[in-house]
C-alpha cells in the first residue's frame, strides 16, 4: 500500500457504501455518471451507497471501484496493525 494513498474504512456494507459515495463526490461525478462508467444501474449504485445491497456482487463493486480509480484491500485486523 502506498503511504500517501487515502484509505477509507469499510468494515460493513453501510461503511462501504459511504466510502464509495465519498469517492464519487471527490471525483465530482453524479450517480448516473458513475453508474454509466461502471456499467451498473443507477438504482444498484444508490443501493450500494446506502449500504442496502444484500448479496453484493463483487464484480459490480470492482467495476465501480475501477471507474473511480480506487482499489479494494483486505487487511487482517487481528494482527494489531
N, C-alpha and C. Protein backbone atom coordinates (compact mmCIF):
# COMPACT_ATOMS: atom_id res chain seq x y z
N UNK A 1 0.84 -1.18 0.00
CA UNK A 1 0.00 0.00 0.00
C UNK A 1 0.89 1.25 0.00
N UNK A 2 0.52 2.20 -0.78
CA UNK A 2 1.27 3.46 -0.86
C UNK A 2 0.97 4.30 0.36
N UNK A 3 2.00 4.85 0.99
CA UNK A 3 1.83 5.60 2.23
C UNK A 3 0.92 6.82 2.04
N UNK A 4 0.97 7.45 0.88
CA UNK A 4 0.16 8.64 0.64
C UNK A 4 -1.26 8.34 0.21
N UNK A 5 -1.58 7.07 -0.04
CA UNK A 5 -2.91 6.70 -0.52
C UNK A 5 -3.95 7.04 0.55
N UNK A 6 -5.09 7.52 0.10
CA UNK A 6 -6.19 7.81 1.00
C UNK A 6 -6.91 6.49 1.30
N UNK A 7 -7.03 6.14 2.57
CA UNK A 7 -7.63 4.87 2.96
C UNK A 7 -8.97 5.15 3.63
N UNK A 8 -10.01 4.47 3.16
CA UNK A 8 -11.34 4.59 3.74
C UNK A 8 -11.71 3.24 4.36
N UNK A 9 -12.14 3.24 5.60
CA UNK A 9 -12.51 2.02 6.30
C UNK A 9 -13.88 1.55 5.83
N UNK A 10 -13.98 0.27 5.49
CA UNK A 10 -15.25 -0.27 5.01
C UNK A 10 -15.46 -1.65 5.61
N UNK A 11 -15.76 -1.69 6.89
CA UNK A 11 -15.93 -2.96 7.60
C UNK A 11 -17.36 -3.47 7.55
N UNK A 12 -18.25 -2.74 6.91
CA UNK A 12 -19.65 -3.15 6.81
C UNK A 12 -20.20 -2.60 5.49
N UNK A 13 -21.35 -3.09 5.07
CA UNK A 13 -21.95 -2.57 3.84
C UNK A 13 -22.26 -1.08 3.93
N UNK A 14 -22.80 -0.58 5.05
CA UNK A 14 -23.03 0.87 5.13
C UNK A 14 -21.73 1.68 5.01
N UNK A 15 -20.65 1.21 5.63
CA UNK A 15 -19.37 1.93 5.53
C UNK A 15 -18.79 1.84 4.12
N UNK A 16 -18.95 0.69 3.49
CA UNK A 16 -18.51 0.53 2.12
C UNK A 16 -19.27 1.49 1.21
N UNK A 17 -20.56 1.58 1.40
CA UNK A 17 -21.37 2.50 0.61
C UNK A 17 -20.97 3.95 0.83
N UNK A 18 -20.70 4.30 2.08
CA UNK A 18 -20.28 5.68 2.39
C UNK A 18 -18.93 5.98 1.74
N UNK A 19 -18.04 4.99 1.71
CA UNK A 19 -16.74 5.19 1.08
C UNK A 19 -16.89 5.39 -0.43
N UNK A 20 -17.73 4.60 -1.06
CA UNK A 20 -17.96 4.76 -2.49
C UNK A 20 -18.58 6.12 -2.77
N UNK A 21 -19.54 6.53 -1.95
CA UNK A 21 -20.17 7.84 -2.15
C UNK A 21 -19.14 8.96 -2.02
N UNK A 22 -18.28 8.86 -1.01
CA UNK A 22 -17.27 9.89 -0.82
C UNK A 22 -16.32 9.97 -2.01
N UNK A 23 -15.88 8.81 -2.49
CA UNK A 23 -15.01 8.78 -3.67
C UNK A 23 -15.71 9.38 -4.88
N UNK A 24 -16.99 9.04 -5.05
CA UNK A 24 -17.76 9.57 -6.18
C UNK A 24 -17.83 11.10 -6.10
N UNK A 25 -18.13 11.61 -4.94
CA UNK A 25 -18.22 13.06 -4.76
C UNK A 25 -16.86 13.73 -4.94
N UNK A 26 -15.80 13.09 -4.44
CA UNK A 26 -14.44 13.63 -4.63
C UNK A 26 -14.08 13.73 -6.11
N UNK A 27 -14.62 12.79 -6.91
CA UNK A 27 -14.37 12.80 -8.35
C UNK A 27 -15.39 13.67 -9.10
N UNK A 28 -16.28 14.30 -8.34
CA UNK A 28 -17.31 15.19 -8.90
C UNK A 28 -18.16 14.49 -9.97
N UNK A 29 -18.58 13.28 -9.63
CA UNK A 29 -19.43 12.51 -10.52
C UNK A 29 -20.83 12.40 -9.94
N UNK A 30 -21.83 12.42 -10.79
CA UNK A 30 -23.18 12.12 -10.34
C UNK A 30 -23.32 10.62 -10.26
N UNK A 31 -24.37 10.17 -9.61
CA UNK A 31 -24.62 8.73 -9.55
C UNK A 31 -24.82 8.18 -10.96
N UNK A 32 -25.52 8.91 -11.78
CA UNK A 32 -25.77 8.46 -13.16
C UNK A 32 -24.47 8.35 -13.95
N UNK A 33 -23.58 9.30 -13.79
CA UNK A 33 -22.29 9.27 -14.50
C UNK A 33 -21.45 8.08 -14.06
N UNK A 34 -21.37 7.86 -12.75
CA UNK A 34 -20.58 6.74 -12.25
C UNK A 34 -21.20 5.41 -12.67
N UNK A 35 -22.50 5.31 -12.55
CA UNK A 35 -23.18 4.07 -12.94
C UNK A 35 -22.91 3.76 -14.41
N UNK A 36 -23.00 4.75 -15.25
CA UNK A 36 -22.75 4.56 -16.68
C UNK A 36 -21.29 4.13 -16.92
N UNK A 37 -20.35 4.79 -16.26
CA UNK A 37 -18.93 4.46 -16.42
C UNK A 37 -18.60 3.05 -15.95
N UNK A 38 -19.32 2.60 -14.92
CA UNK A 38 -19.05 1.28 -14.33
C UNK A 38 -19.90 0.17 -14.94
N UNK A 39 -20.88 0.55 -15.75
CA UNK A 39 -21.74 -0.47 -16.35
C UNK A 39 -22.71 -1.09 -15.37
N UNK A 40 -23.15 -0.30 -14.39
CA UNK A 40 -24.17 -0.76 -13.44
C UNK A 40 -25.35 0.20 -13.52
N UNK A 41 -26.47 -0.21 -12.97
CA UNK A 41 -27.63 0.69 -12.98
C UNK A 41 -27.49 1.73 -11.88
N UNK A 42 -28.10 2.88 -12.09
CA UNK A 42 -28.09 3.92 -11.06
C UNK A 42 -28.78 3.40 -9.81
N UNK A 43 -29.85 2.64 -9.98
CA UNK A 43 -30.58 2.08 -8.84
C UNK A 43 -29.67 1.17 -8.01
N UNK A 44 -28.84 0.36 -8.67
CA UNK A 44 -27.92 -0.51 -7.94
C UNK A 44 -26.90 0.33 -7.19
N UNK A 45 -26.39 1.39 -7.82
CA UNK A 45 -25.41 2.27 -7.18
C UNK A 45 -26.02 2.97 -5.98
N UNK A 46 -27.26 3.41 -6.09
CA UNK A 46 -27.95 4.04 -4.96
C UNK A 46 -28.00 3.06 -3.78
N UNK A 47 -28.35 1.81 -4.06
CA UNK A 47 -28.39 0.79 -3.01
C UNK A 47 -27.03 0.57 -2.38
N UNK A 48 -25.99 0.53 -3.22
CA UNK A 48 -24.63 0.37 -2.71
C UNK A 48 -24.26 1.51 -1.78
N UNK A 49 -24.50 2.75 -2.22
CA UNK A 49 -24.15 3.91 -1.41
C UNK A 49 -24.92 3.95 -0.10
N UNK A 50 -26.10 3.38 -0.08
CA UNK A 50 -26.91 3.34 1.15
C UNK A 50 -26.56 2.13 2.02
N UNK A 51 -25.70 1.26 1.52
CA UNK A 51 -25.35 0.06 2.28
C UNK A 51 -26.48 -0.94 2.29
N UNK A 52 -27.34 -0.88 1.28
CA UNK A 52 -28.53 -1.73 1.21
C UNK A 52 -28.48 -2.62 -0.03
N UNK A 53 -27.35 -3.28 -0.22
CA UNK A 53 -27.20 -4.15 -1.38
C UNK A 53 -26.96 -5.57 -0.88
N UNK A 54 -28.05 -6.24 -0.45
CA UNK A 54 -27.87 -7.61 0.03
C UNK A 54 -27.35 -8.48 -1.12
N UNK A 55 -26.48 -9.41 -0.80
CA UNK A 55 -25.92 -10.26 -1.83
C UNK A 55 -25.06 -9.46 -2.80
N UNK A 56 -24.33 -8.50 -2.27
CA UNK A 56 -23.49 -7.63 -3.08
C UNK A 56 -22.65 -8.43 -4.07
N UNK A 57 -22.71 -8.05 -5.32
CA UNK A 57 -21.92 -8.73 -6.35
C UNK A 57 -20.55 -8.08 -6.45
N UNK A 58 -19.52 -8.85 -6.15
CA UNK A 58 -18.17 -8.33 -6.11
C UNK A 58 -17.75 -7.80 -7.48
N UNK A 59 -18.15 -8.45 -8.55
CA UNK A 59 -17.79 -7.99 -9.88
C UNK A 59 -18.30 -6.59 -10.16
N UNK A 60 -19.52 -6.31 -9.76
CA UNK A 60 -20.08 -4.96 -9.94
C UNK A 60 -19.33 -3.95 -9.09
N UNK A 61 -19.06 -4.33 -7.85
CA UNK A 61 -18.31 -3.45 -6.96
C UNK A 61 -16.95 -3.12 -7.56
N UNK A 62 -16.27 -4.12 -8.09
CA UNK A 62 -14.95 -3.89 -8.67
C UNK A 62 -15.03 -2.96 -9.88
N UNK A 63 -16.08 -3.05 -10.67
CA UNK A 63 -16.24 -2.14 -11.81
C UNK A 63 -16.45 -0.71 -11.33
N UNK A 64 -17.21 -0.54 -10.25
CA UNK A 64 -17.42 0.80 -9.68
C UNK A 64 -16.08 1.35 -9.17
N UNK A 65 -15.35 0.54 -8.42
CA UNK A 65 -14.05 0.99 -7.90
C UNK A 65 -13.08 1.30 -9.03
N UNK A 66 -13.09 0.50 -10.08
CA UNK A 66 -12.22 0.76 -11.22
C UNK A 66 -12.58 2.09 -11.88
N UNK A 67 -13.87 2.37 -12.01
CA UNK A 67 -14.31 3.64 -12.59
C UNK A 67 -13.88 4.83 -11.74
N UNK A 68 -13.68 4.60 -10.45
CA UNK A 68 -13.24 5.65 -9.52
C UNK A 68 -11.72 5.65 -9.35
N UNK A 69 -11.04 4.78 -10.06
CA UNK A 69 -9.59 4.62 -9.93
C UNK A 69 -9.23 4.31 -8.47
N UNK A 70 -10.03 3.44 -7.87
CA UNK A 70 -9.84 3.04 -6.47
C UNK A 70 -9.64 1.52 -6.45
N UNK A 71 -9.18 1.01 -5.33
CA UNK A 71 -8.98 -0.42 -5.20
C UNK A 71 -9.53 -0.92 -3.88
N UNK A 72 -9.66 -2.22 -3.80
CA UNK A 72 -10.14 -2.87 -2.59
C UNK A 72 -8.96 -3.60 -1.96
N UNK A 73 -8.71 -3.37 -0.69
CA UNK A 73 -7.64 -4.05 0.02
C UNK A 73 -8.25 -4.77 1.22
N UNK A 74 -7.70 -5.91 1.53
CA UNK A 74 -8.16 -6.67 2.69
C UNK A 74 -7.02 -6.71 3.69
N UNK A 75 -7.33 -6.30 4.92
CA UNK A 75 -6.32 -6.23 5.98
C UNK A 75 -6.72 -7.16 7.11
N UNK A 76 -5.78 -7.88 7.63
CA UNK A 76 -6.02 -8.76 8.78
C UNK A 76 -5.92 -7.93 10.04
N UNK A 77 -7.05 -7.51 10.57
CA UNK A 77 -7.07 -6.65 11.76
C UNK A 77 -6.66 -7.41 13.03
N UNK A 78 -6.64 -8.73 12.99
CA UNK A 78 -6.28 -9.49 14.19
C UNK A 78 -4.78 -9.39 14.48
N UNK A 79 -4.00 -8.89 13.53
CA UNK A 79 -2.56 -8.79 13.71
C UNK A 79 -2.12 -7.51 14.42
N UNK A 80 -3.09 -6.66 14.79
CA UNK A 80 -2.77 -5.44 15.54
C UNK A 80 -1.94 -4.44 14.76
N UNK A 81 -2.30 -4.27 13.50
CA UNK A 81 -1.56 -3.34 12.64
C UNK A 81 -1.68 -1.93 13.12
